[in-house]
Amino acid sequence: AQTASVHDASAAFYNPAALVRLEGKQFYVGGTWLHTSTSFAGIDPYPGFGVSEEMQPGNFFPPTVYWTNHFAKSWAYGVSFNAPFGLGVEWKNPHAFTGRDRVTKASLAGLNAGLNLAWAANDRLSFSGGFNTLFAGVELNQVQEEVVPGGGGAKANVADVKLKASNKPGYGWNAAALWSPSDQWEFGTFYRSQVDVDITDGEATFKQIPTGNVAFDAAVAAGLPATQSDVHTTLHFPSIFSIGAAWHPTPQWTWEADFNWTAWSAFDSLSLKFPSSPDLNTSLPEEYGDSFRIMVGAEHRLSSFAYRFGYYFDQAAAPTESVTPLLPDANRHGATIGLSKDLGKWTVDWYDMALFFEDRSTEGKERDGFDGTYKNFVNGMGLSLAYHW
C-alpha cells in the first residue's frame, strides 16, 4: 500500500506525482522470485470424482528498474521498467492430463516501460502524467484428440498444437496526484489506461503424435493443417484506478490503506484468427468482470533500518464459467513482511509475500464441462538495491 506514501524511485510506477518530493537522483534495481503451486480435483460427470491433477511448480522472476531525477525545482521525471502482468501455466504429464484438449502449457509476459513527468504546484500538491509501452508475447499449447474408428468412442492424442507469438508493443498513458494537507496525512490517486497489444504474426504448429494405427495415422496426417505464420489475436491489459490515504502518527510510523479498481471487463474473450485457414478461427469467451483490491500496510523507521508489514484482499475477476485450466482464478489474500537497511547512499530492501487463494469450484458451470475445484498458493520473495545522490 503506497499510492499515497511512496518515498523512493519506485514512485515512477506506483505514483509518479511523488517524484518531485524525492531528493536528488535515485536509481533502483531489483526483482522478485515468484514460486507457484496449483492442483485440481475433478467431479462428475467430467473429468470425474477421484481425478487429481497438478501443475508443474512455477518459478518466475519479474524485474524492476527505476530512475528518477529533477530538472527544475518544481519539475521531476521518472523512468520505469517492470513486469506488472503475467501468466504461467504448465500441467504435469501433458499427454495424460485430463484437460489436455484445452491447454497443457500457457505463458504470457508483459514487460512495461514508462516515462513520467511530475510538477509541484506547491509544497503540498503535485501532479504527474506520462506514457508507457507494454511489450507482450504469448504461448498456448494443447493436445488435439480424435475419435479412433472402431474404438467404441475412445479418443486418441493425434497432435501437439502450439501457438507462439513474440513480443509486440501496445501503448498507454497514466495520470496521478498527491496531496499532503498536513504533516500527518497524505492522499494519492493514480490512473493507468488500458493497453491493447495486437499480434499479427503468431505461429501455430501442428505436430502429429503417432498412434500406431497406420490407417488412422494416415487419415490424421492428411487432415492436419500446415504451419500457420500469420495468426492474429489481441491481448487486452486492463486499466487500473488507485486511491490511497497515508497517516503519519509520528515521524517514525506510516500507516496506509489503498483501494484499487481493475477493469478486467476488457478481457471479454480470447480470439484467434487464422487468415490462411479461416476454418480454424476460434474465440474463447472469458467475460471477466471488473474487480477490486484492498490493501493496508505499515512501516516503522528506526535509526538505520525499517520494517514493514501488510495485508491485501484481491477479488477474483473470472466468472465461475471461466474458471478453467488456462486461468483458474480465485479470490486472493496476501500477507507481507519487509525489511529495509540504510547504508548511506545505498539502501537494501527485502520482502516476502504469502499469497493464499481461496479454493475455487466450477460448481458444475464451466463452459466446456471440465468441472472440479482448484487450489493455488504463491510465494513471492523480492530483493532490491537503491542508490541516491
Protein backbone atom coordinates (compact mmCIF):
# COMPACT_ATOMS: atom_id res chain seq x y z
CA ALA A 1 0.00 0.00 0.00
CA GLN A 2 1.91 3.04 -1.21
CA THR A 3 -0.24 5.11 -3.57
CA ALA A 4 -0.02 7.96 -1.04
CA SER A 5 3.32 7.32 0.69
CA VAL A 6 5.91 6.08 -1.80
CA HIS A 7 9.26 7.70 -0.98
CA ASP A 8 11.75 6.05 -3.30
CA ALA A 9 12.31 5.68 -7.04
CA SER A 10 9.50 3.12 -7.38
CA ALA A 11 7.26 6.20 -7.36
CA ALA A 12 7.96 6.21 -11.12
CA PHE A 13 5.41 3.38 -11.31
CA TYR A 14 3.21 3.50 -8.19
CA ASN A 15 2.54 7.25 -8.02
CA PRO A 16 4.70 9.46 -10.26
CA ALA A 17 3.26 12.60 -8.64
CA ALA A 18 5.65 11.83 -5.74
CA LEU A 19 8.71 12.24 -8.00
CA VAL A 20 9.05 15.93 -7.15
CA ARG A 21 9.35 15.03 -3.46
CA LEU A 22 12.36 12.76 -3.91
CA GLU A 23 15.77 14.20 -3.21
CA GLY A 24 18.46 14.31 -5.90
CA LYS A 25 18.92 11.41 -8.30
CA GLN A 26 17.76 7.90 -7.50
CA PHE A 27 18.42 4.56 -9.18
CA TYR A 28 16.63 1.42 -8.10
CA VAL A 29 17.03 -2.14 -9.39
CA GLY A 30 15.58 -5.38 -8.12
CA GLY A 31 13.38 -8.35 -8.79
CA THR A 32 11.07 -10.94 -7.31
CA TRP A 33 11.14 -14.73 -7.23
CA LEU A 34 7.57 -15.98 -7.55
CA HIS A 35 7.00 -19.65 -6.73
CA THR A 36 3.57 -21.06 -7.62
CA SER A 37 1.70 -24.31 -6.99
CA THR A 38 -1.71 -25.36 -8.33
CA SER A 39 -3.77 -28.54 -8.03
CA PHE A 40 -7.15 -29.66 -9.35
CA ALA A 41 -9.69 -32.24 -8.12
CA GLY A 42 -12.33 -33.30 -10.62
CA ILE A 43 -16.02 -34.04 -10.15
CA ASP A 44 -18.64 -35.91 -12.17
CA PRO A 45 -19.56 -36.08 -14.95
CA TYR A 46 -16.18 -34.95 -16.32
CA PRO A 47 -13.37 -35.48 -15.58
CA GLY A 48 -14.91 -37.39 -12.64
CA PHE A 49 -14.51 -37.80 -8.92
CA GLY A 50 -11.09 -39.11 -7.94
CA VAL A 51 -9.29 -37.34 -10.78
CA SER A 52 -6.40 -35.32 -9.38
CA GLU A 53 -4.10 -33.10 -11.42
CA GLU A 54 -1.16 -30.83 -10.60
CA MET A 55 0.74 -28.09 -12.36
CA GLN A 56 4.49 -28.06 -12.56
CA PRO A 57 5.78 -25.80 -9.77
CA GLY A 58 6.22 -22.37 -11.34
CA ASN A 59 9.26 -20.15 -10.89
CA PHE A 60 9.12 -16.63 -12.31
CA PHE A 61 11.46 -13.65 -11.92
CA PRO A 62 9.80 -10.32 -12.84
CA PRO A 63 12.36 -7.47 -12.80
CA THR A 64 12.13 -3.85 -11.62
CA VAL A 65 14.30 -0.90 -12.69
CA TYR A 66 13.57 2.76 -11.82
CA TRP A 67 15.43 6.03 -12.40
CA THR A 68 14.33 9.46 -11.16
CA ASN A 69 15.76 12.98 -11.27
CA HIS A 70 14.83 16.67 -11.02
CA PHE A 71 15.44 19.15 -13.83
CA ALA A 72 13.98 22.18 -12.01
CA LYS A 73 12.79 22.96 -8.50
CA SER A 74 9.19 22.08 -9.27
CA TRP A 75 9.74 19.53 -12.01
CA ALA A 76 10.96 15.92 -11.98
CA TYR A 77 10.84 12.88 -14.21
CA GLY A 78 10.96 9.14 -13.74
CA VAL A 79 11.69 6.14 -15.93
CA SER A 80 10.32 2.72 -15.02
CA PHE A 81 10.74 -0.83 -16.29
CA ASN A 82 8.86 -3.72 -14.74
CA ALA A 83 6.51 -6.63 -15.38
CA PRO A 84 3.06 -5.81 -13.95
CA PHE A 85 1.19 -8.58 -15.83
CA GLY A 86 2.00 -12.22 -16.42
CA LEU A 87 0.64 -15.74 -16.71
CA GLY A 88 2.39 -19.09 -16.33
CA VAL A 89 0.57 -22.44 -16.63
CA GLU A 90 2.12 -25.87 -17.24
CA TRP A 91 0.23 -29.02 -16.29
CA LYS A 92 2.13 -32.18 -15.41
CA ASN A 93 2.03 -35.20 -17.77
CA PRO A 94 0.63 -33.15 -20.67
CA HIS A 95 -0.33 -36.12 -22.85
CA ALA A 96 -2.29 -37.68 -19.96
CA PHE A 97 -3.67 -34.50 -18.37
CA THR A 98 -7.47 -34.70 -18.49
CA GLY A 99 -7.73 -31.11 -19.72
CA ARG A 100 -5.11 -31.51 -22.44
CA ASP A 101 -7.52 -30.66 -25.25
CA ARG A 102 -7.97 -27.24 -23.57
CA VAL A 103 -4.44 -26.35 -22.50
CA THR A 104 -1.23 -28.06 -21.44
CA LYS A 105 1.01 -25.01 -21.20
CA ALA A 106 0.45 -21.27 -21.44
CA SER A 107 2.61 -18.26 -20.80
CA LEU A 108 2.20 -14.54 -21.14
CA ALA A 109 4.79 -11.95 -20.18
CA GLY A 110 4.10 -8.23 -20.17
CA LEU A 111 7.19 -6.02 -19.89
CA ASN A 112 6.33 -2.39 -19.24
CA ALA A 113 8.50 0.68 -19.93
CA GLY A 114 7.24 4.06 -18.76
CA LEU A 115 8.23 7.73 -18.75
CA ASN A 116 6.53 10.19 -16.40
CA LEU A 117 6.76 13.92 -15.75
CA ALA A 118 5.78 15.45 -12.39
CA TRP A 119 5.05 19.04 -11.37
CA ALA A 120 4.66 20.50 -7.89
CA ALA A 121 2.02 23.21 -7.67
CA ASN A 122 3.32 23.96 -4.16
CA ASP A 123 4.93 22.10 -1.26
CA ARG A 124 1.78 20.07 -0.60
CA LEU A 125 0.21 19.39 -4.01
CA SER A 126 1.74 17.71 -7.07
CA PHE A 127 0.57 16.15 -10.32
CA SER A 128 2.03 13.88 -12.98
CA GLY A 129 1.34 12.47 -16.40
CA GLY A 130 3.12 10.01 -18.61
CA PHE A 131 3.14 7.32 -21.24
CA ASN A 132 4.08 3.67 -21.24
CA THR A 133 4.80 0.94 -23.73
CA LEU A 134 3.84 -2.62 -22.84
CA PHE A 135 5.59 -5.43 -24.73
CA ALA A 136 3.69 -8.72 -24.61
CA GLY A 137 4.16 -12.18 -26.08
CA VAL A 138 2.10 -15.30 -25.65
CA GLU A 139 2.38 -19.09 -25.90
CA LEU A 140 -0.54 -21.51 -25.80
CA ASN A 141 -0.16 -25.30 -26.12
CA GLN A 142 -2.78 -28.05 -26.22
CA VAL A 143 -3.24 -31.61 -27.45
CA GLN A 144 -5.61 -32.40 -30.31
CA GLU A 145 -7.70 -35.54 -29.90
CA GLU A 146 -9.68 -37.60 -32.42
CA VAL A 147 -12.13 -40.48 -32.04
CA VAL A 148 -10.47 -43.78 -33.03
CA PRO A 149 -12.52 -45.63 -35.68
CA GLY A 150 -13.93 -48.82 -34.21
CA GLY A 151 -12.71 -47.85 -30.75
CA GLY A 152 -16.09 -47.57 -29.12
CA GLY A 153 -15.89 -43.77 -28.98
CA ALA A 154 -12.44 -43.69 -27.36
CA LYS A 155 -10.21 -40.78 -28.26
CA ALA A 156 -6.50 -40.73 -29.02
CA ASN A 157 -3.93 -37.96 -28.92
CA VAL A 158 -3.14 -37.11 -32.52
CA ALA A 159 -1.21 -33.81 -32.46
CA ASP A 160 0.61 -31.35 -30.26
CA VAL A 161 -0.70 -27.89 -31.13
CA LYS A 162 1.43 -24.88 -30.26
CA LEU A 163 0.70 -21.19 -30.76
CA LYS A 164 3.52 -18.77 -30.08
CA ALA A 165 3.91 -15.05 -30.70
CA SER A 166 6.93 -12.89 -29.94
CA ASN A 167 6.75 -9.61 -28.03
CA LYS A 168 4.73 -6.83 -29.62
CA PRO A 169 4.13 -3.33 -28.24
CA GLY A 170 0.97 -1.68 -27.00
CA TYR A 171 0.70 1.90 -25.74
CA GLY A 172 -0.98 3.57 -22.80
CA TRP A 173 -0.96 6.64 -20.58
CA ASN A 174 -1.31 7.48 -16.91
CA ALA A 175 -2.02 10.38 -14.57
CA ALA A 176 -1.54 10.85 -10.83
CA ALA A 177 -1.90 13.35 -7.99
CA LEU A 178 -0.55 13.64 -4.46
CA TRP A 179 -1.85 15.96 -1.74
CA SER A 180 -0.48 16.47 1.78
CA PRO A 181 -2.92 18.69 3.72
CA SER A 182 -0.76 18.33 6.85
CA ASP A 183 2.41 16.65 8.09
CA GLN A 184 0.33 13.75 9.35
CA TRP A 185 -1.72 12.97 6.25
CA GLU A 186 -1.12 12.26 2.55
CA PHE A 187 -3.65 11.35 -0.12
CA GLY A 188 -2.77 9.94 -3.53
CA THR A 189 -4.54 8.77 -6.64
CA PHE A 190 -3.33 7.13 -9.83
CA TYR A 191 -4.94 6.05 -13.10
CA ARG A 192 -3.31 3.74 -15.65
CA SER A 193 -5.05 3.30 -19.00
CA GLN A 194 -5.97 0.10 -20.80
CA VAL A 195 -3.33 -1.23 -23.20
CA ASP A 196 -4.16 -3.37 -26.22
CA VAL A 197 -1.40 -5.41 -27.87
CA ASP A 198 -2.19 -6.51 -31.42
CA ILE A 199 -0.39 -9.63 -32.62
CA THR A 200 -0.48 -10.39 -36.34
CA ASP A 201 2.43 -12.82 -36.77
CA GLY A 202 1.69 -15.59 -34.32
CA GLU A 203 2.93 -19.02 -35.39
CA ALA A 204 0.76 -22.12 -34.97
CA THR A 205 2.33 -25.54 -35.45
CA PHE A 206 0.65 -28.97 -35.54
CA LYS A 207 2.99 -31.86 -34.74
CA GLN A 208 1.47 -35.29 -35.25
CA ILE A 209 1.53 -37.88 -32.44
CA PRO A 210 1.65 -41.39 -33.96
CA THR A 211 -0.88 -43.84 -32.52
CA GLY A 212 0.43 -47.00 -34.16
CA ASN A 213 -2.73 -47.42 -36.22
CA VAL A 214 -1.38 -47.00 -39.76
CA ALA A 215 -4.67 -46.20 -41.48
CA PHE A 216 -5.80 -43.88 -38.72
CA ASP A 217 -2.44 -42.06 -38.62
CA ALA A 218 -2.55 -41.58 -42.39
CA ALA A 219 -6.02 -40.04 -42.17
CA VAL A 220 -4.88 -37.74 -39.35
CA ALA A 221 -1.80 -36.65 -41.31
CA ALA A 222 -3.92 -35.77 -44.32
CA GLY A 223 -6.18 -33.59 -42.21
CA LEU A 224 -3.62 -31.73 -40.09
CA PRO A 225 -3.25 -28.05 -41.02
CA ALA A 226 0.07 -26.74 -42.25
CA THR A 227 2.07 -24.38 -40.05
CA GLN A 228 0.35 -21.01 -39.81
CA SER A 229 2.61 -17.94 -39.50
CA ASP A 230 0.03 -15.16 -39.58
CA VAL A 231 -2.21 -15.89 -36.60
CA HIS A 232 -3.97 -12.76 -35.29
CA THR A 233 -5.01 -12.04 -31.72
CA THR A 234 -5.33 -9.04 -29.41
CA LEU A 235 -4.24 -9.07 -25.78
CA HIS A 236 -6.19 -6.68 -23.55
CA PHE A 237 -4.44 -5.36 -20.42
CA PRO A 238 -6.87 -3.58 -18.09
CA SER A 239 -6.99 -0.02 -16.86
CA ILE A 240 -6.34 0.46 -13.14
CA PHE A 241 -7.52 3.18 -10.79
CA SER A 242 -5.96 3.50 -7.34
CA ILE A 243 -6.62 5.79 -4.40
CA GLY A 244 -4.82 5.78 -1.08
CA ALA A 245 -4.53 7.56 2.25
CA ALA A 246 -1.41 7.56 4.45
CA TRP A 247 -1.24 8.57 8.11
CA HIS A 248 1.98 9.50 9.92
CA PRO A 249 1.09 9.50 13.66
CA THR A 250 4.77 10.01 14.49
CA PRO A 251 7.85 10.72 12.35
CA GLN A 252 8.78 7.03 12.68
CA TRP A 253 5.48 5.42 11.67
CA THR A 254 3.42 5.37 8.47
CA TRP A 255 0.10 3.59 8.07
CA GLU A 256 -1.66 3.41 4.71
CA ALA A 257 -4.81 1.99 3.13
CA ASP A 258 -5.31 1.73 -0.64
CA PHE A 259 -8.21 0.81 -2.89
CA ASN A 260 -7.61 -0.39 -6.46
CA TRP A 261 -10.18 -0.90 -9.20
CA THR A 262 -9.08 -3.02 -12.16
CA ALA A 263 -11.21 -3.01 -15.31
CA TRP A 264 -10.84 -6.70 -16.16
CA SER A 265 -14.06 -6.49 -18.17
CA ALA A 266 -11.73 -5.61 -21.06
CA PHE A 267 -10.88 -9.33 -21.13
CA ASP A 268 -14.16 -10.50 -22.59
CA SER A 269 -12.74 -13.10 -25.00
CA LEU A 270 -9.56 -14.55 -26.43
CA SER A 271 -9.98 -14.61 -30.20
CA LEU A 272 -7.62 -16.42 -32.56
CA LYS A 273 -7.85 -15.75 -36.28
CA PHE A 274 -6.08 -17.79 -38.96
CA PRO A 275 -6.19 -15.79 -42.22
CA SER A 276 -4.66 -18.70 -44.16
CA SER A 277 -7.15 -21.21 -42.72
CA PRO A 278 -10.32 -19.39 -41.62
CA ASP A 279 -11.94 -22.68 -40.59
CA LEU A 280 -9.52 -22.72 -37.64
CA ASN A 281 -10.77 -19.38 -36.31
CA THR A 282 -11.88 -19.57 -32.69
CA SER A 283 -13.00 -17.29 -29.90
CA LEU A 284 -12.73 -18.39 -26.29
CA PRO A 285 -15.30 -16.48 -24.19
CA GLU A 286 -13.92 -15.23 -20.88
CA GLU A 287 -16.38 -12.48 -19.84
CA TYR A 288 -14.29 -11.27 -16.92
CA GLY A 289 -15.73 -8.64 -14.60
CA ASP A 290 -14.11 -5.60 -13.03
CA SER A 291 -12.53 -6.36 -9.66
CA PHE A 292 -11.18 -4.54 -6.63
CA ARG A 293 -8.22 -4.85 -4.29
CA ILE A 294 -8.00 -3.50 -0.73
CA MET A 295 -4.52 -3.07 0.77
CA VAL A 296 -3.35 -1.99 4.22
CA GLY A 297 0.24 -1.64 5.34
CA ALA A 298 2.57 -0.08 7.87
CA GLU A 299 6.22 0.96 8.06
CA HIS A 300 8.26 1.62 11.20
CA ARG A 301 11.52 3.51 10.65
CA LEU A 302 14.36 3.13 13.15
CA SER A 303 17.84 4.68 13.16
CA SER A 304 19.38 2.57 10.38
CA PHE A 305 16.66 0.21 9.22
CA ALA A 306 12.91 -0.08 8.82
CA TYR A 307 10.44 -2.93 8.92
CA ARG A 308 7.10 -3.23 7.16
CA PHE A 309 4.04 -5.47 7.18
CA GLY A 310 0.76 -5.55 5.32
CA TYR A 311 -2.29 -7.42 4.09
CA TYR A 312 -4.42 -7.25 0.97
CA PHE A 313 -7.53 -8.82 -0.47
CA ASP A 314 -7.78 -9.20 -4.24
CA GLN A 315 -11.17 -10.07 -5.70
CA ALA A 316 -11.35 -12.69 -8.46
CA ALA A 317 -12.28 -11.30 -11.86
CA ALA A 318 -13.30 -14.56 -13.58
CA PRO A 319 -16.93 -15.69 -13.50
CA THR A 320 -17.46 -19.31 -12.48
CA GLU A 321 -17.95 -20.34 -16.13
CA SER A 322 -14.44 -19.07 -16.96
CA VAL A 323 -12.57 -20.90 -14.18
CA THR A 324 -10.55 -23.16 -16.47
CA PRO A 325 -7.19 -24.98 -16.61
CA LEU A 326 -5.94 -21.92 -18.53
CA LEU A 327 -6.99 -19.36 -15.89
CA PRO A 328 -8.06 -20.89 -12.55
CA ASP A 329 -8.81 -17.51 -10.98
CA ALA A 330 -9.88 -17.12 -7.34
CA ASN A 331 -10.06 -14.56 -4.53
CA ARG A 332 -6.63 -13.94 -3.00
CA HIS A 333 -5.38 -12.94 0.45
CA GLY A 334 -1.84 -11.59 0.67
CA ALA A 335 0.28 -11.25 3.81
CA THR A 336 3.58 -9.38 3.51
CA ILE A 337 6.63 -8.52 5.59
CA GLY A 338 9.64 -6.41 4.63
CA LEU A 339 12.95 -5.01 5.85
CA SER A 340 14.96 -2.02 4.66
CA LYS A 341 18.58 -1.26 5.57
CA ASP A 342 20.04 2.23 5.17
CA LEU A 343 23.71 2.18 4.10
CA GLY A 344 24.18 5.89 3.46
CA LYS A 345 23.77 6.46 -0.25
CA TRP A 346 22.73 2.84 -0.64
CA THR A 347 19.52 1.20 0.54
CA VAL A 348 18.76 -2.54 0.50
CA ASP A 349 15.17 -3.76 0.64
CA TRP A 350 13.85 -7.31 1.12
CA TYR A 351 10.30 -8.60 1.30
CA ASP A 352 8.29 -11.79 1.37
CA MET A 353 4.67 -12.24 0.35
CA ALA A 354 2.48 -15.27 1.01
CA LEU A 355 -0.50 -15.28 -1.34
CA PHE A 356 -3.35 -17.53 -0.24
CA PHE A 357 -6.00 -18.34 -2.85
CA GLU A 358 -9.47 -19.36 -1.77
CA ASP A 359 -10.41 -22.79 -3.12
CA ARG A 360 -12.39 -22.20 -6.32
CA SER A 361 -15.03 -24.64 -7.53
CA THR A 362 -16.52 -24.51 -11.01
CA GLU A 363 -19.86 -25.52 -9.41
CA GLY A 364 -20.64 -27.63 -12.46
CA LYS A 365 -20.82 -24.49 -14.62
CA GLU A 366 -17.51 -24.48 -16.53
CA ARG A 367 -18.45 -23.69 -20.11
CA ASP A 368 -16.59 -26.70 -21.61
CA GLY A 369 -17.78 -29.15 -18.97
CA PHE A 370 -14.40 -29.51 -17.21
CA ASP A 371 -15.53 -29.29 -13.60
CA GLY A 372 -13.87 -29.50 -10.22
CA THR A 373 -12.02 -27.47 -7.61
CA TYR A 374 -8.72 -25.62 -7.96
CA LYS A 375 -6.27 -24.90 -5.14
CA ASN A 376 -3.48 -22.35 -5.56
CA PHE A 377 -0.66 -20.90 -3.50
CA VAL A 378 2.02 -18.36 -4.44
CA ASN A 379 5.02 -17.13 -2.50
CA GLY A 380 6.95 -14.08 -3.62
CA MET A 381 10.35 -13.03 -2.32
CA GLY A 382 11.92 -9.81 -3.54
CA LEU A 383 15.23 -8.01 -3.19
CA SER A 384 16.17 -4.53 -4.42
CA LEU A 385 19.10 -2.17 -4.25
CA ALA A 386 18.75 1.61 -4.45
CA TYR A 387 21.37 4.34 -4.85
CA HIS A 388 20.69 8.04 -4.36
CA TRP A 389 22.93 11.09 -4.66
